[in-house]
PDB file of N, CA and C in Angstrom:
ATOM      1  N   MET A   1     123.322   8.942 146.797  1.00  0.00           N
ATOM      2  CA  MET A   1     124.614   8.660 146.456  1.00  0.00           C
ATOM      3  C   MET A   1     125.162   9.770 145.741  1.00  0.00           C
ATOM      4  N   THR A   2     124.389  10.371 144.795  1.00  0.00           N
ATOM      5  CA  THR A   2     124.761  11.425 143.866  1.00  0.00           C
ATOM      6  C   THR A   2     125.011  12.687 144.762  1.00  0.00           C
ATOM      7  N   ARG A   3     124.191  12.816 145.794  1.00  0.00           N
ATOM      8  CA  ARG A   3     124.492  14.140 146.729  1.00  0.00           C
ATOM      9  C   ARG A   3     125.918  13.845 147.497  1.00  0.00           C
ATOM     10  N   MET A   4     126.242  12.663 147.858  1.00  0.00           N
ATOM     11  CA  MET A   4     127.598  12.585 148.490  1.00  0.00           C
ATOM     12  C   MET A   4     128.525  12.697 147.519  1.00  0.00           C
ATOM     13  N   ILE A   5     128.368  12.257 146.295  1.00  0.00           N
ATOM     14  CA  ILE A   5     129.468  12.742 145.291  1.00  0.00           C
ATOM     15  C   ILE A   5     129.555  14.265 145.026  1.00  0.00           C
ATOM     16  N   ASP A   6     128.514  14.871 144.938  1.00  0.00           N
ATOM     17  CA  ASP A   6     128.495  16.322 144.999  1.00  0.00           C
ATOM     18  C   ASP A   6     129.307  16.947 146.222  1.00  0.00           C
ATOM     19  N   GLN A   7     128.911  16.335 147.485  1.00  0.00           N
ATOM     20  CA  GLN A   7     129.772  17.095 148.633  1.00  0.00           C
ATOM     21  C   GLN A   7     131.036  16.849 148.568  1.00  0.00           C
ATOM     22  N   ILE A   8     131.460  15.572 148.089  1.00  0.00           N
ATOM     23  CA  ILE A   8     133.025  15.230 147.838  1.00  0.00           C
ATOM     24  C   ILE A   8     133.563  16.341 146.907  1.00  0.00           C
ATOM     25  N   GLN A   9     132.951  16.529 145.937  1.00  0.00           N
ATOM     26  CA  GLN A   9     133.700  17.592 144.870  1.00  0.00           C
ATOM     27  C   GLN A   9     133.569  18.875 145.410  1.00  0.00           C
ATOM     28  N   ALA A  10     132.645  19.318 146.253  1.00  0.00           N
ATOM     29  CA  ALA A  10     132.517  20.652 146.907  1.00  0.00           C
ATOM     30  C   ALA A  10     133.764  20.699 147.897  1.00  0.00           C
ATOM     31  N   ARG A  11     133.925  19.663 148.783  1.00  0.00           N
ATOM     32  CA  ARG A  11     135.021  19.701 149.726  1.00  0.00           C
ATOM     33  C   ARG A  11     136.295  19.765 148.999  1.00  0.00           C
ATOM     34  N   LEU A  12     136.408  19.082 147.845  1.00  0.00           N
ATOM     35  CA  LEU A  12     137.782  19.135 147.204  1.00  0.00           C
ATOM     36  C   LEU A  12     138.016  20.565 146.647  1.00  0.00           C
ATOM     37  N   ASP A  13     136.962  20.986 146.024  1.00  0.00           N
ATOM     38  CA  ASP A  13     137.086  22.499 145.485  1.00  0.00           C
ATOM     39  C   ASP A  13     137.593  23.464 146.598  1.00  0.00           C
ATOM     40  N   LEU A  14     136.917  23.235 147.590  1.00  0.00           N
ATOM     41  CA  LEU A  14     137.320  24.225 148.765  1.00  0.00           C
ATOM     42  C   LEU A  14     138.700  23.797 149.278  1.00  0.00           C
ATOM     43  N   LEU A  15     139.154  22.752 149.418  1.00  0.00           N
ATOM     44  CA  LEU A  15     140.463  22.483 149.859  1.00  0.00           C
ATOM     45  C   LEU A  15     141.522  22.888 148.748  1.00  0.00           C
ATOM     46  N   GLN A  16     141.126  22.913 147.575  1.00  0.00           N
ATOM     47  CA  GLN A  16     142.049  23.299 146.605  1.00  0.00           C
ATOM     48  C   GLN A  16     142.287  24.663 146.761  1.00  0.00           C
ATOM     49  N   LEU A  17     141.237  25.463 147.068  1.00  0.00           N
ATOM     50  CA  LEU A  17     141.452  26.913 147.157  1.00  0.00           C
ATOM     51  C   LEU A  17     142.132  27.250 148.472  1.00  0.00           C
ATOM     52  N   THR A  18     141.880  26.618 149.488  1.00  0.00           N
ATOM     53  CA  THR A  18     142.461  26.872 151.045  1.00  0.00           C
ATOM     54  C   THR A  18     143.691  26.066 151.270  1.00  0.00           C
ATOM     55  N   ALA A  19     143.873  25.143 150.684  1.00  0.00           N
ATOM     56  CA  ALA A  19     144.929  24.083 151.316  1.00  0.00           C
ATOM     57  C   ALA A  19     145.450  23.339 150.244  1.00  0.00           C
ATOM     58  N   ALA A  20     145.876  24.001 149.140  1.00  0.00           N
ATOM     59  CA  ALA A  20     146.311  23.143 147.890  1.00  0.00           C
ATOM     60  C   ALA A  20     147.803  22.623 148.356  1.00  0.00           C
ATOM     61  N   HIS A  21     148.641  23.391 149.203  1.00  0.00           N
ATOM     62  CA  HIS A  21     149.914  22.783 149.458  1.00  0.00           C
ATOM     63  C   HIS A  21     149.877  21.624 150.412  1.00  0.00           C
ATOM     64  N   LYS A  22     148.805  21.641 151.184  1.00  0.00           N
ATOM     65  CA  LYS A  22     148.820  20.399 152.090  1.00  0.00           C
ATOM     66  C   LYS A  22     148.413  19.384 151.386  1.00  0.00           C
ATOM     67  N   LEU A  23     147.455  19.441 150.405  1.00  0.00           N
ATOM     68  CA  LEU A  23     146.959  18.305 149.588  1.00  0.00           C
ATOM     69  C   LEU A  23     148.070  17.779 148.682  1.00  0.00           C
ATOM     70  N   ALA A  24     148.898  18.715 148.135  1.00  0.00           N
ATOM     71  CA  ALA A  24     150.202  18.151 147.288  1.00  0.00           C
ATOM     72  C   ALA A  24     151.096  17.440 148.302  1.00  0.00           C
ATOM     73  N   GLU A  25     151.281  18.071 149.558  1.00  0.00           N
ATOM     74  CA  GLU A  25     152.223  17.271 150.412  1.00  0.00           C
ATOM     75  C   GLU A  25     151.846  15.769 150.816  1.00  0.00           C
ATOM     76  N   ALA A  26     150.339  15.748 150.834  1.00  0.00           N
ATOM     77  CA  ALA A  26     149.662  14.557 151.071  1.00  0.00           C
ATOM     78  C   ALA A  26     149.646  13.528 149.990  1.00  0.00           C
ATOM     79  N   GLY A  27     150.071  14.076 148.837  1.00  0.00           N
ATOM     80  CA  GLY A  27     150.007  13.238 147.673  1.00  0.00           C
ATOM     81  C   GLY A  27     148.651  13.105 146.928  1.00  0.00           C
ATOM     82  N   VAL A  28     147.815  14.029 147.289  1.00  0.00           N
ATOM     83  CA  VAL A  28     146.519  13.921 146.585  1.00  0.00           C
ATOM     84  C   VAL A  28     146.686  14.685 145.164  1.00  0.00           C
ATOM     85  N   ASP A  29     146.127  13.918 144.223  1.00  0.00           N
ATOM     86  CA  ASP A  29     146.185  14.341 142.928  1.00  0.00           C
ATOM     87  C   ASP A  29     144.920  14.894 142.575  1.00  0.00           C
ATOM     88  N   LEU A  30     144.831  16.200 142.633  1.00  0.00           N
ATOM     89  CA  LEU A  30     143.521  16.824 142.240  1.00  0.00           C
ATOM     90  C   LEU A  30     143.087  16.984 140.770  1.00  0.00           C
ATOM     91  N   ALA A  31     144.137  16.604 139.987  1.00  0.00           N
ATOM     92  CA  ALA A  31     143.778  16.500 138.455  1.00  0.00           C
ATOM     93  C   ALA A  31     143.104  15.276 138.153  1.00  0.00           C
ATOM     94  N   ALA A  32     143.209  14.255 139.150  1.00  0.00           N
ATOM     95  CA  ALA A  32     142.466  13.147 138.875  1.00  0.00           C
ATOM     96  C   ALA A  32     141.113  13.100 139.533  1.00  0.00           C
ATOM     97  N   ALA A  33     140.790  13.911 140.155  1.00  0.00           N
ATOM     98  CA  ALA A  33     139.421  14.144 140.713  1.00  0.00           C
ATOM     99  C   ALA A  33     138.182  14.279 139.920  1.00  0.00           C
ATOM    100  N   PRO A  34     138.308  15.159 138.867  1.00  0.00           N
ATOM    101  CA  PRO A  34     137.194  15.082 137.962  1.00  0.00           C
ATOM    102  C   PRO A  34     136.766  13.735 137.193  1.00  0.00           C
ATOM    103  N   ALA A  35     137.883  13.078 136.755  1.00  0.00           N
ATOM    104  CA  ALA A  35     137.560  11.824 136.129  1.00  0.00           C
ATOM    105  C   ALA A  35     137.137  10.773 137.092  1.00  0.00           C
ATOM    106  N   ALA A  36     137.543  10.727 138.322  1.00  0.00           N
ATOM    107  CA  ALA A  36     137.011   9.794 139.239  1.00  0.00           C
ATOM    108  C   ALA A  36     135.657  10.009 139.738  1.00  0.00           C
ATOM    109  N   LEU A  37     135.255  11.296 139.845  1.00  0.00           N
ATOM    110  CA  LEU A  37     133.978  11.728 140.188  1.00  0.00           C
ATOM    111  C   LEU A  37     132.969  11.543 138.953  1.00  0.00           C
ATOM    112  N   ALA A  38     133.418  11.813 137.917  1.00  0.00           N
ATOM    113  CA  ALA A  38     132.639  11.624 136.745  1.00  0.00           C
ATOM    114  C   ALA A  38     132.331   9.931 136.473  1.00  0.00           C
ATOM    115  N   ALA A  39     133.202   9.190 136.812  1.00  0.00           N
ATOM    116  CA  ALA A  39     133.173   7.776 136.741  1.00  0.00           C
ATOM    117  C   ALA A  39     132.128   7.405 137.976  1.00  0.00           C
ATOM    118  N   ALA A  40     132.159   7.832 139.114  1.00  0.00           N
ATOM    119  CA  ALA A  40     131.267   7.580 140.077  1.00  0.00           C
ATOM    120  C   ALA A  40     129.777   7.986 139.878  1.00  0.00           C
ATOM    121  N   ARG A  41     129.868   9.172 139.297  1.00  0.00           N
ATOM    122  CA  ARG A  41     128.451   9.550 138.757  1.00  0.00           C
ATOM    123  C   ARG A  41     127.840   8.646 137.700  1.00  0.00           C
ATOM    124  N   ALA A  42     128.777   8.175 136.871  1.00  0.00           N
ATOM    125  CA  ALA A  42     128.199   7.222 135.582  1.00  0.00           C
ATOM    126  C   ALA A  42     127.997   5.916 136.407  1.00  0.00           C
ATOM    127  N   ALA A  43     128.672   5.393 137.408  1.00  0.00           N
ATOM    128  CA  ALA A  43     128.258   4.188 138.014  1.00  0.00           C
ATOM    129  C   ALA A  43     126.975   4.196 138.687  1.00  0.00           C
ATOM    130  N   VAL A  44     126.709   5.337 139.360  1.00  0.00           N
ATOM    131  CA  VAL A  44     125.351   5.631 139.969  1.00  0.00           C
ATOM    132  C   VAL A  44     124.251   5.712 138.944  1.00  0.00           C
ATOM    133  N   ALA A  45     124.353   6.424 137.882  1.00  0.00           N
ATOM    134  CA  ALA A  45     123.539   6.450 136.866  1.00  0.00           C
ATOM    135  C   ALA A  45     123.190   5.147 136.330  1.00  0.00           C
ATOM    136  N   ASP A  46     124.189   4.283 136.152  1.00  0.00           N
ATOM    137  CA  ASP A  46     123.948   2.943 135.473  1.00  0.00           C
ATOM    138  C   ASP A  46     123.474   1.949 136.429  1.00  0.00           C
ATOM    139  N   GLY A  47     123.374   2.273 137.775  1.00  0.00           N
ATOM    140  CA  GLY A  47     122.940   1.343 138.786  1.00  0.00           C
ATOM    141  C   GLY A  47     123.867   0.369 139.390  1.00  0.00           C
ATOM    142  N   ALA A  48     125.225   0.561 139.024  1.00  0.00           N
ATOM    143  CA  ALA A  48     126.220  -0.303 139.510  1.00  0.00           C
ATOM    144  C   ALA A  48     126.798   0.133 140.817  1.00  0.00           C
ATOM    145  N   LEU A  49     126.330   1.467 141.215  1.00  0.00           N
ATOM    146  CA  LEU A  49     127.010   1.899 142.583  1.00  0.00           C
ATOM    147  C   LEU A  49     125.723   2.368 143.287  1.00  0.00           C
ATOM    148  N   GLY A  50     125.539   1.996 144.493  1.00  0.00           N
ATOM    149  CA  GLY A  50     124.519   2.312 145.355  1.00  0.00           C
ATOM    150  C   GLY A  50     124.686   1.810 146.660  1.00  0.00           C
ATOM    151  N   TYR A  51     123.644   1.800 147.482  1.00  0.00           N
ATOM    152  CA  TYR A  51     123.677   1.406 148.843  1.00  0.00           C
ATOM    153  C   TYR A  51     123.036   0.183 148.918  1.00  0.00           C
ATOM    154  N   ALA A  52     123.514  -0.779 149.944  1.00  0.00           N
ATOM    155  CA  ALA A  52     122.641  -2.038 150.165  1.00  0.00           C
ATOM    156  C   ALA A  52     122.567  -2.228 151.654  1.00  0.00           C
ATOM    157  N   LEU A  53     121.553  -2.903 151.889  1.00  0.00           N
ATOM    158  CA  LEU A  53     121.355  -3.257 153.463  1.00  0.00           C
ATOM    159  C   LEU A  53     121.582  -4.736 153.719  1.00  0.00           C
ATOM    160  N   LEU A  54     122.445  -5.039 154.361  1.00  0.00           N
ATOM    161  CA  LEU A  54     122.547  -6.376 154.915  1.00  0.00           C
ATOM    162  C   LEU A  54     122.096  -6.736 156.278  1.00  0.00           C
ATOM    163  N   ILE A  55     121.471  -7.673 156.524  1.00  0.00           N
ATOM    164  CA  ILE A  55     121.012  -8.128 157.870  1.00  0.00           C
ATOM    165  C   ILE A  55     121.387  -9.450 158.206  1.00  0.00           C
ATOM    166  N   ALA A  56     121.934  -9.616 159.210  1.00  0.00           N
ATOM    167  CA  ALA A  56     122.245 -10.884 159.781  1.00  0.00           C
ATOM    168  C   ALA A  56     121.492 -11.290 160.818  1.00  0.00           C
ATOM    169  N   GLU A  57     121.169 -12.830 161.171  1.00  0.00           N
ATOM    170  CA  GLU A  57     120.539 -13.162 162.100  1.00  0.00           C
ATOM    171  C   GLU A  57     121.218 -14.241 162.668  1.00  0.00           C
ATOM    172  N   LYS A  58     121.222 -14.335 164.173  1.00  0.00           N
ATOM    173  CA  LYS A  58     121.918 -15.255 164.887  1.00  0.00           C
ATOM    174  C   LYS A  58     121.040 -16.520 164.910  1.00  0.00           C
ATOM    175  N   SER A  59     121.517 -17.709 164.605  1.00  0.00           N
ATOM    176  CA  SER A  59     120.592 -18.779 164.678  1.00  0.00           C
ATOM    177  C   SER A  59     120.552 -19.200 166.130  1.00  0.00           C
ATOM    178  N   ALA A  60     119.234 -19.857 166.599  1.00  0.00           N
ATOM    179  CA  ALA A  60     119.108 -20.148 168.008  1.00  0.00           C
ATOM    180  C   ALA A  60     119.644 -21.400 168.353  1.00  0.00           C
TER     181      ALA A  60
END
């Protein structure tokens, strides 16, 4: 999960360098990204955010 958050940050950083005007046109608030990413990292560290596996079985 932490790796995914790091990849999101790297992609946003790259987009900020290469396509900032397109992000602004799309309404993406890059100033909010650091706080959102930090909150996601904290949730992972606290165990509140992670992966789950759900399995369903059809009854006979």
